[in-house]
């Protein structure tokens, strides 16, 4: 069955200027996935965009914690938190979607990380693991049972979105060549292991009819 006619959606995660080389939190080769994401999206009737959208002074920013540096890890009320450079600040140029991302038929943009006191890697669930974004309900009400994911970064926002999609009852596939990773202290290998253990399908774009 063609993907466009199936009960599947494509989730395009955080393809934003700050995650592209030259941005505030660049993912190596992050810009190289944009043409492939565009090609893939044309095969899906249902496309959802996830967008990091932090208020100034967000709790995940190292600058919000005096004496701390980017990539330090601290404990917060909801658990362990990696501290990041300031990125994807609401309404900033860095938070904008990559200018070559061409998804005119996307029907939903879901913004995450908006709560100043809680980070949110996942497009489904914030880092306190109890506050939902509403994405699971949106997809289920549209009859979607399978989610394919592309975007940035594979070992953080893509991974957590994939894990939470599985936990919410969806079939979940990550298109590896349409993602790039930060790979911070072995985070990529750990992400692959976690996704495989959760039953996330790890595929290549050549496995899809594009």
Protein backbone atom coordinates (compact mmCIF):
# COMPACT_ATOMS: atom_id res chain seq x y z
CA UNK A 1 0.00 0.00 0.00
CA UNK A 2 1.40 3.46 -0.82
CA UNK A 3 2.34 5.34 2.31
CA UNK A 4 -0.01 8.19 1.43
CA UNK A 5 -2.96 5.82 1.49
CA UNK A 6 -2.03 4.10 4.75
CA UNK A 7 -2.69 4.92 8.38
CA UNK A 8 0.78 6.41 8.70
CA UNK A 9 2.15 9.86 9.45
CA UNK A 10 5.57 11.41 9.00
CA UNK A 11 6.92 13.33 11.99
CA UNK A 12 9.62 15.85 11.03
CA UNK A 13 11.53 16.72 14.19
CA UNK A 14 13.35 19.98 14.94
CA UNK A 15 14.75 20.82 11.51
CA UNK A 16 15.45 24.35 12.74
CA UNK A 17 18.20 26.88 12.10
CA UNK A 18 19.82 26.53 15.51
CA UNK A 19 20.35 22.79 14.93
CA UNK A 20 21.94 23.35 11.53
CA UNK A 21 25.71 24.02 11.16
CA UNK A 22 26.15 27.69 11.98
CA UNK A 23 23.38 27.63 14.57
CA UNK A 24 23.61 27.84 18.34
CA UNK A 25 23.43 24.05 18.89
CA UNK A 26 24.55 22.59 15.56
CA UNK A 27 24.09 18.93 14.74
CA UNK A 28 26.89 17.84 12.39
CA UNK A 29 25.59 17.62 8.81
CA UNK A 30 22.11 18.54 10.03
CA UNK A 31 21.43 20.47 6.84
CA UNK A 32 22.06 17.40 4.69
CA UNK A 33 18.81 15.72 5.71
CA UNK A 34 16.58 18.53 4.38
CA UNK A 35 16.29 17.37 0.73
CA UNK A 36 15.55 13.81 1.84
CA UNK A 37 12.97 14.96 4.39
CA UNK A 38 11.23 16.91 1.61
CA UNK A 39 11.22 13.89 -0.70
CA UNK A 40 9.89 11.60 2.00
CA UNK A 41 7.16 14.02 3.01
CA UNK A 42 5.68 13.98 -0.48
CA UNK A 43 4.77 10.32 0.07
CA UNK A 44 2.71 11.04 3.19
CA UNK A 45 -0.77 12.50 3.38
CA UNK A 46 -0.27 13.17 7.10
CA UNK A 47 2.80 15.23 8.05
CA UNK A 48 3.48 16.74 11.47
CA UNK A 49 6.31 19.13 12.28
CA UNK A 50 7.84 19.26 15.76
CA UNK A 51 9.52 22.54 16.71
CA UNK A 52 11.67 23.35 19.75
CA UNK A 53 10.25 26.58 21.16
CA UNK A 54 11.93 27.71 24.38
CA UNK A 55 11.21 30.87 26.36
CA UNK A 56 14.20 33.00 27.31
CA UNK A 57 15.89 31.75 30.46
CA UNK A 58 14.71 28.18 29.90
CA UNK A 59 15.80 25.71 32.57
CA UNK A 60 17.74 23.62 30.03
CA UNK A 61 20.07 26.51 29.15
CA UNK A 62 23.48 26.50 30.84
CA UNK A 63 23.21 30.28 31.07
CA UNK A 64 20.27 29.83 33.46
CA UNK A 65 22.57 28.13 36.00
CA UNK A 66 25.44 30.36 37.24
CA UNK A 67 28.77 28.57 37.19
CA UNK A 68 27.57 25.87 34.81
CA UNK A 69 28.75 25.26 31.26
CA UNK A 70 27.02 23.81 28.20
CA UNK A 71 26.90 20.01 28.28
CA UNK A 72 27.17 19.84 32.08
CA UNK A 73 24.61 17.44 33.56
CA UNK A 74 22.60 18.45 36.63
CA UNK A 75 19.71 17.07 38.64
CA UNK A 76 16.38 18.87 38.39
CA UNK A 77 13.09 18.00 40.12
CA UNK A 78 12.12 15.82 37.14
CA UNK A 79 15.50 14.08 36.85
CA UNK A 80 18.81 14.37 35.03
CA UNK A 81 19.19 17.30 32.64
CA UNK A 82 21.94 18.03 30.14
CA UNK A 83 22.52 21.77 29.93
CA UNK A 84 22.61 23.26 26.46
CA UNK A 85 23.69 26.50 24.83
CA UNK A 86 20.79 28.91 24.41
CA UNK A 87 18.88 27.70 21.36
CA UNK A 88 15.51 27.85 19.61
CA UNK A 89 14.35 30.83 21.66
CA UNK A 90 10.73 31.64 20.87
CA UNK A 91 10.32 33.90 17.80
CA UNK A 92 14.08 34.02 17.16
CA UNK A 93 15.70 33.36 13.79
CA UNK A 94 17.34 30.27 15.28
CA UNK A 95 13.96 28.79 16.16
CA UNK A 96 12.67 29.12 12.61
CA UNK A 97 12.37 26.04 10.45
CA UNK A 98 15.18 25.55 7.94
CA UNK A 99 14.37 27.79 4.97
CA UNK A 100 14.67 24.93 2.48
CA UNK A 101 12.29 22.67 4.39
CA UNK A 102 9.36 22.35 1.98
CA UNK A 103 6.33 20.82 3.68
CA UNK A 104 3.36 22.88 2.48
CA UNK A 105 0.86 20.11 3.24
CA UNK A 106 1.90 19.63 6.89
CA UNK A 107 -1.28 19.95 8.93
CA UNK A 108 0.18 20.45 12.41
CA UNK A 109 3.20 22.15 13.98
CA UNK A 110 3.64 20.97 17.55
CA UNK A 111 5.83 23.21 19.67
CA UNK A 112 7.68 21.73 22.62
CA UNK A 113 9.92 22.94 25.42
CA UNK A 114 7.61 25.89 26.01
CA UNK A 115 7.38 25.37 29.78
CA UNK A 116 10.26 27.41 31.30
CA UNK A 117 10.75 24.85 34.08
CA UNK A 118 10.65 21.57 32.12
CA UNK A 119 12.61 20.47 29.07
CA UNK A 120 10.96 18.47 26.31
CA UNK A 121 12.96 16.41 23.86
CA UNK A 122 10.00 14.30 22.83
CA UNK A 123 7.20 15.49 20.58
CA UNK A 124 4.81 13.40 22.71
CA UNK A 125 5.78 13.91 26.35
CA UNK A 126 7.74 16.47 28.34
CA UNK A 127 10.76 15.55 30.43
CA UNK A 128 8.75 15.23 33.63
CA UNK A 129 7.29 12.16 31.88
CA UNK A 130 3.74 13.15 32.77
CA UNK A 131 2.90 16.31 30.81
CA UNK A 132 1.69 15.43 27.34
CA UNK A 133 1.90 17.59 24.24
CA UNK A 134 -1.39 16.27 22.84
CA UNK A 135 0.26 14.75 19.78
CA UNK A 136 -0.76 11.16 20.58
CA UNK A 137 -4.42 12.15 20.86
CA UNK A 138 -4.25 14.15 17.63
CA UNK A 139 -2.81 11.18 15.71
CA UNK A 140 -5.23 8.65 17.19
CA UNK A 141 -8.26 10.80 16.39
CA UNK A 142 -7.09 10.85 12.77
CA UNK A 143 -6.82 7.07 12.67
CA UNK A 144 -3.02 7.02 12.57
CA UNK A 145 -1.40 3.88 13.96
CA UNK A 146 2.12 4.16 12.50
CA UNK A 147 4.62 7.01 12.76
CA UNK A 148 7.78 7.46 10.72
CA UNK A 149 10.34 9.92 12.07
CA UNK A 150 13.07 12.04 10.54
CA UNK A 151 15.00 14.98 11.91
CA UNK A 152 17.38 16.23 14.56
CA UNK A 153 18.97 15.07 16.70
CA UNK A 154 18.75 11.30 16.35
CA UNK A 155 20.14 10.60 19.82
CA UNK A 156 17.92 13.08 21.68
CA UNK A 157 14.67 14.46 20.29
CA UNK A 158 14.19 11.78 17.62
CA UNK A 159 14.97 8.95 20.05
CA UNK A 160 12.68 10.20 22.80
CA UNK A 161 9.88 10.82 20.31
CA UNK A 162 10.26 7.29 18.99
CA UNK A 163 10.26 5.75 22.47
CA UNK A 164 7.18 7.72 23.47
CA UNK A 165 5.40 6.84 20.24
CA UNK A 166 5.89 3.17 21.07
CA UNK A 167 4.75 3.70 24.67
CA UNK A 168 1.59 5.39 23.34
CA UNK A 169 0.79 2.34 21.23
CA UNK A 170 2.03 3.40 17.80
CA UNK A 171 4.17 1.45 15.40
CA UNK A 172 7.30 3.59 15.18
CA UNK A 173 10.03 3.76 12.56
CA UNK A 174 13.09 6.01 12.45
CA UNK A 175 14.54 6.72 9.01
CA UNK A 176 18.22 6.73 9.92
CA UNK A 177 19.64 8.38 6.81
CA UNK A 178 17.12 11.22 7.25
CA UNK A 179 18.47 11.94 10.75
CA UNK A 180 21.75 13.16 12.21
CA UNK A 181 23.09 12.83 15.75
CA UNK A 182 25.01 14.94 18.23
CA UNK A 183 26.74 11.83 19.63
CA UNK A 184 27.61 13.29 23.02
CA UNK A 185 29.67 10.85 25.13
CA UNK A 186 28.36 7.79 23.32
CA UNK A 187 24.77 9.00 23.14
CA UNK A 188 24.24 7.70 19.60
CA UNK A 189 25.08 4.07 20.40
CA UNK A 190 22.98 4.28 23.57
CA UNK A 191 20.05 5.69 21.58
CA UNK A 192 20.20 2.90 19.01
CA UNK A 193 20.20 0.29 21.79
CA UNK A 194 17.24 1.90 23.57
CA UNK A 195 15.18 2.19 20.41
CA UNK A 196 15.85 -1.40 19.37
CA UNK A 197 14.89 -2.64 22.84
CA UNK A 198 11.60 -0.71 22.65
CA UNK A 199 10.67 -2.19 19.28
CA UNK A 200 11.33 0.90 17.19
CA UNK A 201 12.04 0.02 13.56
CA UNK A 202 15.34 1.44 12.36
CA UNK A 203 15.20 1.74 8.59
CA UNK A 204 16.74 3.55 5.63
CA UNK A 205 14.90 5.74 3.15
CA UNK A 206 15.57 3.07 0.52
CA UNK A 207 13.12 0.87 2.45
CA UNK A 208 10.33 3.29 1.54
CA UNK A 209 8.76 3.97 -1.89
CA UNK A 210 10.33 7.35 -2.68
